Amino acid sequence: MMKVSEKLDRESNRDYAYRIIHHNIINLELKPGSMLSEQDLADELELSRTPVHEALQELSKTKIIEVFPQKGSLVSLIDMKLVNEARFVRVALESQITELACQAATASDIQKLEENINLQEFYINKQVQDKIMELDDEFHRMMYQITDKMQTYLMVKNMNIHYDRFRELKLHTSIATPLLDDHKEILNAIISKNGAAAKELVINHLSRINADEKEIRKKYGEFFK
């Protein structure tokens, strides 16, 4: 069973199906290696099969879904080559963007980042994983917003689905406190307008994946290609 939320205003059936299936893949409600039935998904979403079929076809372009005609669709196993490629793109772009944010951030922007970090701390203490992931994403998204690079954000987000599943598994294997500490240091660099420090902090922050893989594979080896 998926976690299903309501349709957004003016959201098409196809976009709704894409958003919900995408969300459930990232959050591992639809686990790596599991088979999907268009009809079952359509029933859960209370849609016809056509928008579900279109959503699965679109997701297959990201290689997160493998479509087998007449048989169904498979949620792809985690491929570390794709995870590392997504991380490579994020490191290359986001380190530069965060450096730019040090000069572009307004007092209002800084206040919003501080509020985000306070909420991260609250939900980490409560161990509410969905909110931790959501607020982590929002913290990084704000860097693109501050620097007016939202088209870049959308491009990165499309690739990031592979990296996001890995991040979700990390939340299941260890506490999120080190990530929160990284965010606090990045914010301090932005407040002090230290672009070089912010850039280096983001590179180190996004490179934690290198130390996490062995631990995660040990617990969730069946999810990996």
N, C-alpha and C. Protein backbone atom coordinates (compact mmCIF):
# COMPACT_ATOMS: atom_id res chain seq x y z
N MET A 1 0.84 -1.20 0.00
CA MET A 1 0.00 0.00 0.00
C MET A 1 0.88 1.26 0.00
N MET A 2 0.48 2.23 -0.82
CA MET A 2 1.20 3.48 -0.88
C MET A 2 0.64 4.47 0.13
N LYS A 3 1.44 5.49 0.43
CA LYS A 3 0.94 6.65 1.15
C LYS A 3 0.37 7.60 0.11
N VAL A 4 -0.92 7.88 0.19
CA VAL A 4 -1.60 8.66 -0.84
C VAL A 4 -2.15 9.94 -0.23
N SER A 5 -1.80 11.07 -0.83
CA SER A 5 -2.33 12.36 -0.41
C SER A 5 -3.31 12.86 -1.47
N GLU A 6 -3.98 13.94 -1.18
CA GLU A 6 -4.98 14.48 -2.09
C GLU A 6 -4.32 15.17 -3.28
N LYS A 7 -5.07 15.26 -4.36
CA LYS A 7 -4.59 15.99 -5.53
C LYS A 7 -4.46 17.47 -5.21
N LEU A 8 -3.47 18.09 -5.83
CA LEU A 8 -3.29 19.52 -5.68
C LEU A 8 -4.22 20.25 -6.64
N ASP A 9 -4.46 21.51 -6.36
CA ASP A 9 -5.29 22.32 -7.26
C ASP A 9 -4.65 22.37 -8.65
N ARG A 10 -5.46 22.14 -9.66
CA ARG A 10 -5.06 22.20 -11.07
C ARG A 10 -4.02 21.15 -11.44
N GLU A 11 -3.84 20.14 -10.61
CA GLU A 11 -2.91 19.06 -10.91
C GLU A 11 -3.60 18.04 -11.80
N SER A 12 -2.98 17.69 -12.92
CA SER A 12 -3.57 16.70 -13.83
C SER A 12 -3.49 15.31 -13.19
N ASN A 13 -4.29 14.40 -13.70
CA ASN A 13 -4.26 13.02 -13.18
C ASN A 13 -2.88 12.39 -13.39
N ARG A 14 -2.27 12.66 -14.53
CA ARG A 14 -0.94 12.12 -14.81
C ARG A 14 0.08 12.68 -13.82
N ASP A 15 0.07 13.99 -13.60
CA ASP A 15 1.02 14.60 -12.68
C ASP A 15 0.79 14.12 -11.25
N TYR A 16 -0.47 13.93 -10.90
CA TYR A 16 -0.80 13.41 -9.57
C TYR A 16 -0.24 12.01 -9.39
N ALA A 17 -0.46 11.15 -10.39
CA ALA A 17 0.05 9.77 -10.32
C ALA A 17 1.57 9.78 -10.24
N TYR A 18 2.21 10.62 -11.04
CA TYR A 18 3.68 10.71 -11.03
C TYR A 18 4.17 11.13 -9.65
N ARG A 19 3.56 12.16 -9.09
CA ARG A 19 4.01 12.70 -7.80
C ARG A 19 3.88 11.67 -6.68
N ILE A 20 2.75 10.98 -6.63
CA ILE A 20 2.52 10.02 -5.55
C ILE A 20 3.42 8.79 -5.70
N ILE A 21 3.54 8.28 -6.92
CA ILE A 21 4.40 7.10 -7.13
C ILE A 21 5.86 7.47 -6.85
N HIS A 22 6.29 8.62 -7.35
CA HIS A 22 7.64 9.12 -7.12
C HIS A 22 7.91 9.22 -5.62
N HIS A 23 7.00 9.82 -4.88
CA HIS A 23 7.16 10.00 -3.44
C HIS A 23 7.27 8.66 -2.72
N ASN A 24 6.46 7.70 -3.12
CA ASN A 24 6.46 6.40 -2.46
C ASN A 24 7.70 5.58 -2.80
N ILE A 25 8.27 5.80 -3.97
CA ILE A 25 9.53 5.14 -4.32
C ILE A 25 10.66 5.69 -3.46
N ILE A 26 10.74 7.02 -3.35
CA ILE A 26 11.79 7.65 -2.55
C ILE A 26 11.68 7.23 -1.09
N ASN A 27 10.45 7.21 -0.57
CA ASN A 27 10.24 6.89 0.85
C ASN A 27 10.23 5.39 1.12
N LEU A 28 10.49 4.60 0.07
CA LEU A 28 10.62 3.14 0.20
C LEU A 28 9.33 2.45 0.61
N GLU A 29 8.18 3.12 0.41
CA GLU A 29 6.90 2.43 0.55
C GLU A 29 6.78 1.43 -0.61
N LEU A 30 7.28 1.83 -1.78
CA LEU A 30 7.43 0.93 -2.92
C LEU A 30 8.91 0.53 -2.94
N LYS A 31 9.19 -0.64 -2.45
CA LYS A 31 10.57 -1.04 -2.18
C LYS A 31 11.32 -1.42 -3.46
N PRO A 32 12.63 -1.21 -3.48
CA PRO A 32 13.45 -1.64 -4.62
C PRO A 32 13.26 -3.13 -4.90
N GLY A 33 13.04 -3.44 -6.18
CA GLY A 33 12.85 -4.83 -6.57
C GLY A 33 11.40 -5.28 -6.58
N SER A 34 10.47 -4.44 -6.14
CA SER A 34 9.07 -4.86 -6.10
C SER A 34 8.40 -4.62 -7.45
N MET A 35 7.47 -5.50 -7.81
CA MET A 35 6.70 -5.38 -9.05
C MET A 35 5.48 -4.50 -8.82
N LEU A 36 5.13 -3.72 -9.83
CA LEU A 36 3.98 -2.82 -9.75
C LEU A 36 2.95 -3.19 -10.81
N SER A 37 1.71 -3.16 -10.42
CA SER A 37 0.61 -3.39 -11.35
C SER A 37 -0.07 -2.06 -11.63
N GLU A 38 -0.21 -1.71 -12.92
CA GLU A 38 -0.89 -0.47 -13.27
C GLU A 38 -2.30 -0.43 -12.67
N GLN A 39 -3.00 -1.55 -12.73
CA GLN A 39 -4.37 -1.57 -12.23
C GLN A 39 -4.42 -1.37 -10.72
N ASP A 40 -3.50 -2.01 -10.00
CA ASP A 40 -3.47 -1.85 -8.54
C ASP A 40 -3.15 -0.41 -8.16
N LEU A 41 -2.19 0.19 -8.86
CA LEU A 41 -1.85 1.59 -8.60
C LEU A 41 -3.03 2.50 -8.91
N ALA A 42 -3.68 2.23 -10.03
CA ALA A 42 -4.85 3.04 -10.42
C ALA A 42 -5.95 2.93 -9.37
N ASP A 43 -6.16 1.74 -8.85
CA ASP A 43 -7.19 1.55 -7.82
C ASP A 43 -6.86 2.33 -6.56
N GLU A 44 -5.60 2.28 -6.15
CA GLU A 44 -5.19 3.00 -4.94
C GLU A 44 -5.34 4.51 -5.12
N LEU A 45 -5.05 4.99 -6.33
CA LEU A 45 -5.11 6.42 -6.60
C LEU A 45 -6.50 6.88 -7.04
N GLU A 46 -7.40 5.90 -7.25
CA GLU A 46 -8.76 6.18 -7.73
C GLU A 46 -8.71 6.92 -9.07
N LEU A 47 -7.89 6.37 -9.97
CA LEU A 47 -7.72 6.91 -11.31
C LEU A 47 -7.94 5.79 -12.32
N SER A 48 -8.04 6.18 -13.58
CA SER A 48 -8.01 5.18 -14.65
C SER A 48 -6.57 4.75 -14.86
N ARG A 49 -6.37 3.71 -15.68
CA ARG A 49 -5.01 3.21 -15.89
C ARG A 49 -4.16 4.14 -16.75
N THR A 50 -4.80 4.94 -17.61
CA THR A 50 -4.03 5.76 -18.56
C THR A 50 -3.06 6.72 -17.87
N PRO A 51 -3.50 7.56 -16.92
CA PRO A 51 -2.52 8.46 -16.28
C PRO A 51 -1.45 7.72 -15.48
N VAL A 52 -1.80 6.56 -14.92
CA VAL A 52 -0.81 5.75 -14.20
C VAL A 52 0.22 5.21 -15.18
N HIS A 53 -0.25 4.71 -16.32
CA HIS A 53 0.65 4.22 -17.36
C HIS A 53 1.60 5.32 -17.81
N GLU A 54 1.07 6.52 -18.03
CA GLU A 54 1.89 7.64 -18.48
C GLU A 54 2.92 8.03 -17.41
N ALA A 55 2.51 7.99 -16.15
CA ALA A 55 3.43 8.33 -15.06
C ALA A 55 4.57 7.32 -14.97
N LEU A 56 4.24 6.04 -15.13
CA LEU A 56 5.28 5.01 -15.07
C LEU A 56 6.24 5.13 -16.25
N GLN A 57 5.72 5.46 -17.41
CA GLN A 57 6.58 5.66 -18.57
C GLN A 57 7.54 6.82 -18.33
N GLU A 58 7.04 7.90 -17.73
CA GLU A 58 7.89 9.06 -17.43
C GLU A 58 8.94 8.70 -16.39
N LEU A 59 8.54 7.96 -15.36
CA LEU A 59 9.50 7.56 -14.33
C LEU A 59 10.57 6.62 -14.90
N SER A 60 10.19 5.84 -15.90
CA SER A 60 11.17 4.91 -16.49
C SER A 60 12.32 5.66 -17.16
N LYS A 61 12.08 6.92 -17.57
CA LYS A 61 13.13 7.72 -18.19
C LYS A 61 14.25 8.04 -17.20
N THR A 62 13.91 8.04 -15.91
CA THR A 62 14.92 8.32 -14.88
C THR A 62 15.63 7.03 -14.44
N LYS A 63 15.19 5.89 -14.98
CA LYS A 63 15.73 4.56 -14.66
C LYS A 63 15.38 4.10 -13.24
N ILE A 64 14.38 4.74 -12.64
CA ILE A 64 13.94 4.31 -11.32
C ILE A 64 12.87 3.23 -11.44
N ILE A 65 12.27 3.15 -12.63
CA ILE A 65 11.26 2.14 -12.95
C ILE A 65 11.70 1.41 -14.22
N GLU A 66 11.54 0.10 -14.22
CA GLU A 66 11.76 -0.69 -15.44
C GLU A 66 10.40 -1.22 -15.89
N VAL A 67 10.02 -0.89 -17.10
CA VAL A 67 8.71 -1.28 -17.63
C VAL A 67 8.86 -2.51 -18.52
N PHE A 68 8.06 -3.55 -18.22
CA PHE A 68 8.06 -4.78 -19.01
C PHE A 68 6.68 -4.94 -19.64
N PRO A 69 6.55 -4.69 -20.95
CA PRO A 69 5.25 -4.79 -21.61
C PRO A 69 4.56 -6.12 -21.33
N GLN A 70 3.28 -6.04 -21.03
CA GLN A 70 2.43 -7.21 -20.76
C GLN A 70 2.73 -7.88 -19.41
N LYS A 71 3.75 -7.42 -18.71
CA LYS A 71 4.12 -8.05 -17.44
C LYS A 71 3.96 -7.13 -16.24
N GLY A 72 4.22 -5.86 -16.42
CA GLY A 72 4.16 -4.91 -15.31
C GLY A 72 5.42 -4.08 -15.25
N SER A 73 5.59 -3.40 -14.14
CA SER A 73 6.75 -2.54 -13.94
C SER A 73 7.48 -2.92 -12.67
N LEU A 74 8.78 -2.75 -12.69
CA LEU A 74 9.63 -3.10 -11.56
C LEU A 74 10.26 -1.84 -10.99
N VAL A 75 10.20 -1.70 -9.65
CA VAL A 75 10.95 -0.62 -9.01
C VAL A 75 12.42 -1.04 -9.03
N SER A 76 13.24 -0.27 -9.69
CA SER A 76 14.63 -0.65 -9.90
C SER A 76 15.38 -0.80 -8.58
N LEU A 77 16.29 -1.77 -8.56
CA LEU A 77 17.20 -1.88 -7.44
C LEU A 77 18.12 -0.65 -7.42
N ILE A 78 18.65 -0.33 -6.26
CA ILE A 78 19.52 0.83 -6.14
C ILE A 78 20.84 0.56 -6.84
N ASP A 79 21.14 1.41 -7.80
CA ASP A 79 22.37 1.30 -8.59
C ASP A 79 23.33 2.39 -8.11
N MET A 80 24.42 1.99 -7.46
CA MET A 80 25.33 2.98 -6.88
C MET A 80 26.00 3.85 -7.94
N LYS A 81 26.08 3.37 -9.19
CA LYS A 81 26.60 4.23 -10.25
C LYS A 81 25.70 5.44 -10.46
N LEU A 82 24.38 5.20 -10.43
CA LEU A 82 23.43 6.30 -10.59
C LEU A 82 23.38 7.18 -9.35
N VAL A 83 23.50 6.57 -8.18
CA VAL A 83 23.55 7.34 -6.93
C VAL A 83 24.75 8.28 -6.95
N ASN A 84 25.90 7.75 -7.33
CA ASN A 84 27.12 8.56 -7.33
C ASN A 84 27.10 9.63 -8.42
N GLU A 85 26.47 9.32 -9.54
CA GLU A 85 26.35 10.34 -10.59
C GLU A 85 25.47 11.49 -10.12
N ALA A 86 24.37 11.15 -9.45
CA ALA A 86 23.48 12.20 -8.92
C ALA A 86 24.21 13.05 -7.89
N ARG A 87 24.98 12.39 -7.04
CA ARG A 87 25.75 13.13 -6.04
C ARG A 87 26.79 14.03 -6.70
N PHE A 88 27.42 13.52 -7.76
CA PHE A 88 28.42 14.31 -8.49
C PHE A 88 27.80 15.61 -9.01
N VAL A 89 26.61 15.50 -9.59
CA VAL A 89 25.93 16.68 -10.12
C VAL A 89 25.59 17.65 -9.00
N ARG A 90 25.09 17.12 -7.90
CA ARG A 90 24.73 17.99 -6.77
C ARG A 90 25.95 18.69 -6.20
N VAL A 91 27.04 17.96 -6.04
CA VAL A 91 28.26 18.58 -5.50
C VAL A 91 28.74 19.69 -6.42
N ALA A 92 28.78 19.41 -7.72
CA ALA A 92 29.29 20.39 -8.68
C ALA A 92 28.45 21.66 -8.70
N LEU A 93 27.14 21.50 -8.70
CA LEU A 93 26.24 22.66 -8.82
C LEU A 93 25.94 23.31 -7.48
N GLU A 94 25.63 22.48 -6.50
CA GLU A 94 25.15 23.04 -5.23
C GLU A 94 26.26 23.72 -4.43
N SER A 95 27.47 23.27 -4.58
CA SER A 95 28.57 23.94 -3.89
C SER A 95 28.74 25.36 -4.43
N GLN A 96 28.60 25.51 -5.74
CA GLN A 96 28.69 26.84 -6.36
C GLN A 96 27.50 27.71 -5.97
N ILE A 97 26.32 27.11 -5.97
CA ILE A 97 25.11 27.86 -5.66
C ILE A 97 25.10 28.32 -4.21
N THR A 98 25.56 27.46 -3.30
CA THR A 98 25.61 27.85 -1.89
C THR A 98 26.63 28.96 -1.67
N GLU A 99 27.72 28.90 -2.43
CA GLU A 99 28.71 29.98 -2.36
C GLU A 99 28.07 31.30 -2.79
N LEU A 100 27.29 31.27 -3.86
CA LEU A 100 26.59 32.47 -4.32
C LEU A 100 25.56 32.95 -3.31
N ALA A 101 24.92 32.00 -2.62
CA ALA A 101 23.88 32.34 -1.64
C ALA A 101 24.45 33.16 -0.48
N CYS A 102 25.73 33.01 -0.22
CA CYS A 102 26.35 33.77 0.86
C CYS A 102 26.26 35.28 0.61
N GLN A 103 26.31 35.65 -0.64
CA GLN A 103 26.22 37.07 -0.99
C GLN A 103 24.79 37.50 -1.27
N ALA A 104 23.97 36.57 -1.73
CA ALA A 104 22.60 36.93 -2.15
C ALA A 104 21.57 36.86 -1.03
N ALA A 105 21.85 36.13 0.03
CA ALA A 105 20.85 35.89 1.08
C ALA A 105 20.48 37.17 1.80
N THR A 106 19.19 37.41 1.92
CA THR A 106 18.67 38.55 2.66
C THR A 106 18.42 38.16 4.12
N ALA A 107 18.08 39.13 4.94
CA ALA A 107 17.74 38.84 6.34
C ALA A 107 16.55 37.91 6.41
N SER A 108 15.60 38.09 5.50
CA SER A 108 14.42 37.22 5.46
C SER A 108 14.80 35.79 5.09
N ASP A 109 15.72 35.65 4.13
CA ASP A 109 16.20 34.32 3.73
C ASP A 109 16.86 33.62 4.91
N ILE A 110 17.69 34.33 5.62
CA ILE A 110 18.40 33.75 6.77
C ILE A 110 17.41 33.33 7.85
N GLN A 111 16.39 34.14 8.06
CA GLN A 111 15.37 33.79 9.06
C GLN A 111 14.66 32.49 8.67
N LYS A 112 14.34 32.33 7.39
CA LYS A 112 13.68 31.11 6.93
C LYS A 112 14.59 29.90 7.09
N LEU A 113 15.88 30.06 6.81
CA LEU A 113 16.83 28.96 7.00
C LEU A 113 16.94 28.58 8.47
N GLU A 114 16.95 29.58 9.35
CA GLU A 114 17.01 29.32 10.78
C GLU A 114 15.76 28.58 11.25
N GLU A 115 14.59 28.98 10.74
CA GLU A 115 13.35 28.31 11.10
C GLU A 115 13.36 26.86 10.64
N ASN A 116 13.90 26.64 9.45
CA ASN A 116 14.00 25.29 8.91
C ASN A 116 14.88 24.42 9.81
N ILE A 117 16.02 24.94 10.22
CA ILE A 117 16.94 24.17 11.06
C ILE A 117 16.33 23.88 12.43
N ASN A 118 15.59 24.83 12.97
CA ASN A 118 14.90 24.60 14.25
C ASN A 118 13.90 23.46 14.12
N LEU A 119 13.19 23.42 13.00
CA LEU A 119 12.24 22.34 12.77
C LEU A 119 12.96 21.01 12.55
N GLN A 120 14.09 21.05 11.85
CA GLN A 120 14.88 19.82 11.68
C GLN A 120 15.24 19.24 13.05
N GLU A 121 15.72 20.10 13.93
CA GLU A 121 16.13 19.64 15.26
C GLU A 121 14.95 19.03 16.02
N PHE A 122 13.80 19.67 15.91
CA PHE A 122 12.60 19.18 16.59
C PHE A 122 12.23 17.78 16.11
N TYR A 123 12.19 17.60 14.78
CA TYR A 123 11.76 16.31 14.24
C TYR A 123 12.83 15.23 14.36
N ILE A 124 14.10 15.62 14.41
CA ILE A 124 15.15 14.64 14.67
C ILE A 124 14.98 14.09 16.09
N ASN A 125 14.70 14.98 17.03
CA ASN A 125 14.47 14.53 18.41
C ASN A 125 13.26 13.61 18.51
N LYS A 126 12.26 13.86 17.66
CA LYS A 126 11.06 13.02 17.64
C LYS A 126 11.21 11.80 16.74
N GLN A 127 12.30 11.77 15.93
CA GLN A 127 12.58 10.70 14.98
C GLN A 127 11.43 10.49 13.98
N VAL A 128 10.94 11.61 13.43
CA VAL A 128 9.91 11.57 12.41
C VAL A 128 10.62 11.65 11.06
N GLN A 129 10.86 10.48 10.45
CA GLN A 129 11.76 10.42 9.29
C GLN A 129 11.24 11.19 8.08
N ASP A 130 9.94 11.11 7.82
CA ASP A 130 9.40 11.81 6.66
C ASP A 130 9.65 13.31 6.76
N LYS A 131 9.46 13.87 7.94
CA LYS A 131 9.66 15.32 8.12
C LYS A 131 11.14 15.68 8.06
N ILE A 132 12.01 14.81 8.58
CA ILE A 132 13.45 15.08 8.51
C ILE A 132 13.89 15.19 7.05
N MET A 133 13.45 14.24 6.23
CA MET A 133 13.80 14.23 4.81
C MET A 133 13.22 15.47 4.11
N GLU A 134 11.99 15.77 4.41
CA GLU A 134 11.31 16.92 3.79
C GLU A 134 12.03 18.22 4.11
N LEU A 135 12.42 18.41 5.37
CA LEU A 135 13.08 19.64 5.79
C LEU A 135 14.51 19.71 5.27
N ASP A 136 15.17 18.57 5.17
CA ASP A 136 16.50 18.52 4.56
C ASP A 136 16.41 18.99 3.11
N ASP A 137 15.44 18.45 2.38
CA ASP A 137 15.24 18.86 0.99
C ASP A 137 14.95 20.35 0.89
N GLU A 138 14.12 20.84 1.79
CA GLU A 138 13.72 22.25 1.75
C GLU A 138 14.92 23.16 2.03
N PHE A 139 15.78 22.75 2.96
CA PHE A 139 16.97 23.55 3.28
C PHE A 139 17.83 23.75 2.03
N HIS A 140 18.06 22.67 1.29
CA HIS A 140 18.89 22.76 0.10
C HIS A 140 18.16 23.47 -1.04
N ARG A 141 16.84 23.26 -1.14
CA ARG A 141 16.08 23.94 -2.19
C ARG A 141 16.15 25.45 -2.02
N MET A 142 16.19 25.91 -0.78
CA MET A 142 16.23 27.35 -0.54
C MET A 142 17.49 28.00 -1.10
N MET A 143 18.58 27.25 -1.22
CA MET A 143 19.80 27.80 -1.80
C MET A 143 19.57 28.17 -3.27
N TYR A 144 18.87 27.29 -3.98
CA TYR A 144 18.55 27.57 -5.38
C TYR A 144 17.58 28.74 -5.50
N GLN A 145 16.65 28.80 -4.56
CA GLN A 145 15.67 29.89 -4.57
C GLN A 145 16.34 31.23 -4.29
N ILE A 146 17.22 31.25 -3.30
CA ILE A 146 17.93 32.48 -2.93
C ILE A 146 18.73 33.02 -4.10
N THR A 147 19.31 32.13 -4.89
CA THR A 147 20.17 32.54 -6.01
C THR A 147 19.42 32.58 -7.35
N ASP A 148 18.11 32.40 -7.29
CA ASP A 148 17.27 32.44 -8.50
C ASP A 148 17.75 31.42 -9.53
N LYS A 149 17.93 30.17 -9.08
CA LYS A 149 18.39 29.09 -9.95
C LYS A 149 17.41 27.91 -9.90
N MET A 150 16.12 28.20 -9.99
CA MET A 150 15.12 27.16 -9.81
C MET A 150 15.04 26.19 -10.99
N GLN A 151 15.41 26.63 -12.18
CA GLN A 151 15.46 25.69 -13.30
C GLN A 151 16.57 24.66 -13.09
N THR A 152 17.68 25.12 -12.52
CA THR A 152 18.76 24.20 -12.17
C THR A 152 18.29 23.21 -11.11
N TYR A 153 17.52 23.72 -10.14
CA TYR A 153 16.99 22.85 -9.08
C TYR A 153 16.12 21.74 -9.66
N LEU A 154 15.25 22.09 -10.59
CA LEU A 154 14.36 21.09 -11.19
C LEU A 154 15.15 20.03 -11.95
N MET A 155 16.21 20.45 -12.61
CA MET A 155 17.06 19.49 -13.32
C MET A 155 17.73 18.53 -12.33
N VAL A 156 18.29 19.09 -11.26
CA VAL A 156 18.96 18.27 -10.25
C VAL A 156 17.97 17.34 -9.56
N LYS A 157 16.79 17.84 -9.27
CA LYS A 157 15.77 17.04 -8.58
C LYS A 157 15.42 15.81 -9.39
N ASN A 158 15.36 15.93 -10.70
CA ASN A 158 15.01 14.81 -11.55
C ASN A 158 16.03 13.67 -11.45
N MET A 159 17.30 14.02 -11.36
CA MET A 159 18.36 13.01 -11.21
C MET A 159 18.44 12.49 -9.78
N ASN A 160 18.01 13.32 -8.84
CA ASN A 160 18.28 13.05 -7.43
C ASN A 160 17.47 11.89 -6.85
N ILE A 161 16.51 11.38 -7.61
CA ILE A 161 15.67 10.31 -7.10
C ILE A 161 16.50 9.10 -6.67
N HIS A 162 17.59 8.82 -7.35
CA HIS A 162 18.45 7.69 -6.98
C HIS A 162 19.20 7.98 -5.67
N TYR A 163 19.71 9.18 -5.55
CA TYR A 163 20.40 9.60 -4.35
C TYR A 163 19.44 9.66 -3.17
N ASP A 164 18.20 10.09 -3.42
CA ASP A 164 17.21 10.24 -2.36
C ASP A 164 16.86 8.90 -1.71
N ARG A 165 16.77 7.85 -2.48
CA ARG A 165 16.49 6.54 -1.88
C ARG A 165 17.62 6.12 -0.96
N PHE A 166 18.84 6.41 -1.38
CA PHE A 166 19.99 6.10 -0.53
C PHE A 166 19.93 6.90 0.77
N ARG A 167 19.57 8.18 0.66
CA ARG A 167 19.44 9.03 1.85
C ARG A 167 18.37 8.49 2.79
N GLU A 168 17.26 8.01 2.23
CA GLU A 168 16.18 7.46 3.05
C GLU A 168 16.68 6.24 3.83
N LEU A 169 17.44 5.38 3.16
CA LEU A 169 17.99 4.21 3.86
C LEU A 169 18.94 4.63 4.98
N LYS A 170 19.68 5.70 4.75
CA LYS A 170 20.59 6.20 5.79
C LYS A 170 19.81 6.59 7.04
N LEU A 171 18.66 7.21 6.85
CA LEU A 171 17.85 7.61 8.00
C LEU A 171 17.37 6.40 8.79
N HIS A 172 17.26 5.25 8.10
CA HIS A 172 16.83 4.03 8.77
C HIS A 172 17.98 3.34 9.52
N THR A 173 19.21 3.75 9.23
CA THR A 173 20.36 3.05 9.81
C THR A 173 21.12 3.87 10.85
N SER A 174 20.92 5.19 10.86
CA SER A 174 21.67 6.01 11.81
C SER A 174 20.90 7.28 12.12
N ILE A 175 21.32 7.97 13.17
CA ILE A 175 20.67 9.21 13.54
C ILE A 175 21.07 10.32 12.56
N ALA A 176 20.24 11.36 12.50
CA ALA A 176 20.47 12.42 11.52
C ALA A 176 21.24 13.60 12.10
N THR A 177 21.70 13.50 13.34
CA THR A 177 22.36 14.63 13.99
C THR A 177 23.56 15.16 13.21
N PRO A 178 24.46 14.30 12.64
CA PRO A 178 25.59 14.86 11.88
C PRO A 178 25.14 15.72 10.70
N LEU A 179 24.06 15.34 10.04
CA LEU A 179 23.55 16.14 8.92
C LEU A 179 23.04 17.49 9.40
N LEU A 180 22.36 17.48 10.54
CA LEU A 180 21.87 18.74 11.12
C LEU A 180 23.05 19.64 11.49
N ASP A 181 24.09 19.07 12.05
CA ASP A 181 25.28 19.86 12.40
C ASP A 181 25.90 20.48 11.15
N ASP A 182 25.91 19.72 10.06
CA ASP A 182 26.41 20.26 8.79
C ASP A 182 25.58 21.46 8.35
N HIS A 183 24.27 21.32 8.44
CA HIS A 183 23.38 22.42 8.03
C HIS A 183 23.62 23.67 8.87
N LYS A 184 23.83 23.48 10.16
CA LYS A 184 24.09 24.63 11.04
C LYS A 184 25.38 25.34 10.63
N GLU A 185 26.40 24.56 10.29
CA GLU A 185 27.67 25.16 9.87
C GLU A 185 27.52 25.89 8.54
N ILE A 186 26.74 25.31 7.62
CA ILE A 186 26.49 25.97 6.33
C ILE A 186 25.77 27.29 6.57
N LEU A 187 24.77 27.28 7.44
CA LEU A 187 24.03 28.51 7.74
C LEU A 187 24.96 29.56 8.36
N ASN A 188 25.82 29.15 9.26
CA ASN A 188 26.75 30.11 9.87
C ASN A 188 27.67 30.73 8.83
N ALA A 189 28.07 29.94 7.85
CA ALA A 189 28.92 30.48 6.77
C ALA A 189 28.14 31.49 5.93
N ILE A 190 26.85 31.21 5.71
CA ILE A 190 26.02 32.15 4.95
C ILE A 190 25.83 33.44 5.73
N ILE A 191 25.58 33.32 7.03
CA ILE A 191 25.40 34.50 7.87
C ILE A 191 26.65 35.38 7.85
N SER A 192 27.80 34.75 7.90
CA SER A 192 29.07 35.50 7.90
C SER A 192 29.56 35.83 6.49
N LYS A 193 28.76 35.43 5.49
CA LYS A 193 29.07 35.70 4.06
C LYS A 193 30.42 35.11 3.66
N ASN A 194 30.72 33.95 4.21
CA ASN A 194 31.98 33.26 3.90
C ASN A 194 31.72 32.22 2.82
N GLY A 195 31.77 32.65 1.58
CA GLY A 195 31.45 31.79 0.46
C GLY A 195 32.36 30.59 0.33
N ALA A 196 33.65 30.79 0.54
CA ALA A 196 34.61 29.69 0.41
C ALA A 196 34.33 28.60 1.44
N ALA A 197 34.01 29.00 2.66
CA ALA A 197 33.70 28.02 3.71
C ALA A 197 32.41 27.28 3.39
N ALA A 198 31.39 28.02 2.94
CA ALA A 198 30.10 27.40 2.61
C ALA A 198 30.26 26.36 1.50
N LYS A 199 31.05 26.70 0.51
CA LYS A 199 31.29 25.78 -0.62
C LYS A 199 31.95 24.50 -0.13
N GLU A 200 32.97 24.62 0.70
CA GLU A 200 33.68 23.45 1.22
C GLU A 200 32.78 22.61 2.12
N LEU A 201 31.96 23.27 2.91
CA LEU A 201 31.05 22.56 3.81
C LEU A 201 30.03 21.73 3.03
N VAL A 202 29.51 22.29 1.95
CA VAL A 202 28.53 21.56 1.13
C VAL A 202 29.19 20.35 0.46
N ILE A 203 30.40 20.52 -0.03
CA ILE A 203 31.11 19.39 -0.65
C ILE A 203 31.27 18.26 0.36
N ASN A 204 31.70 18.59 1.57
CA ASN A 204 31.88 17.57 2.61
C ASN A 204 30.54 16.96 3.02
N HIS A 205 29.52 17.79 3.10
CA HIS A 205 28.19 17.35 3.51
C HIS A 205 27.63 16.32 2.52
N LEU A 206 27.73 16.62 1.24
CA LEU A 206 27.18 15.73 0.22
C LEU A 206 28.07 14.51 -0.03
N SER A 207 29.29 14.56 0.48
CA SER A 207 30.22 13.44 0.27
C SER A 207 30.15 12.41 1.39
N ARG A 208 29.27 12.60 2.36
CA ARG A 208 29.13 11.61 3.44
C ARG A 208 28.71 10.25 2.90
N ILE A 209 28.14 10.24 1.72
CA ILE A 209 27.70 9.00 1.09
C ILE A 209 28.83 7.97 1.02
N ASN A 210 30.06 8.45 0.84
CA ASN A 210 31.19 7.53 0.70
C ASN A 210 31.41 6.69 1.95
N ALA A 211 31.13 7.28 3.11
CA ALA A 211 31.32 6.57 4.37
C ALA A 211 30.10 5.75 4.75
N ASP A 212 28.95 6.05 4.15
CA ASP A 212 27.69 5.43 4.55
C ASP A 212 27.39 4.12 3.81
N GLU A 213 27.94 3.96 2.62
CA GLU A 213 27.51 2.86 1.76
C GLU A 213 27.70 1.49 2.41
N LYS A 214 28.85 1.24 3.02
CA LYS A 214 29.11 -0.08 3.59
C LYS A 214 28.10 -0.43 4.68
N GLU A 215 27.82 0.52 5.54
CA GLU A 215 26.88 0.30 6.64
C GLU A 215 25.47 0.02 6.11
N ILE A 216 25.07 0.77 5.10
CA ILE A 216 23.72 0.62 4.55
C ILE A 216 23.57 -0.69 3.79
N ARG A 217 24.59 -1.04 3.02
CA ARG A 217 24.54 -2.31 2.28
C ARG A 217 24.46 -3.51 3.24
N LYS A 218 25.12 -3.39 4.37
CA LYS A 218 25.12 -4.49 5.35
C LYS A 218 23.71 -4.78 5.84
N LYS A 219 22.90 -3.73 5.99
CA LYS A 219 21.54 -3.90 6.52
C LYS A 219 20.51 -4.11 5.42
N TYR A 220 20.74 -3.50 4.24
CA TYR A 220 19.74 -3.53 3.18
C TYR A 220 20.32 -4.02 1.85
N GLY A 221 21.16 -5.03 1.93
CA GLY A 221 21.83 -5.52 0.73
C GLY A 221 20.89 -5.96 -0.38
N GLU A 222 19.70 -6.45 -0.02
CA GLU A 222 18.76 -6.95 -1.04
C GLU A 222 18.18 -5.84 -1.89
N PHE A 223 18.35 -4.59 -1.46
CA PHE A 223 17.81 -3.45 -2.21
C PHE A 223 18.78 -2.93 -3.27
N PHE A 224 20.00 -3.48 -3.31
CA PHE A 224 21.02 -2.95 -4.19
C PHE A 224 21.26 -3.83 -5.40
N LYS A 225 21.60 -3.19 -6.50
CA LYS A 225 21.92 -3.90 -7.74
C LYS A 225 23.28 -4.54 -7.62
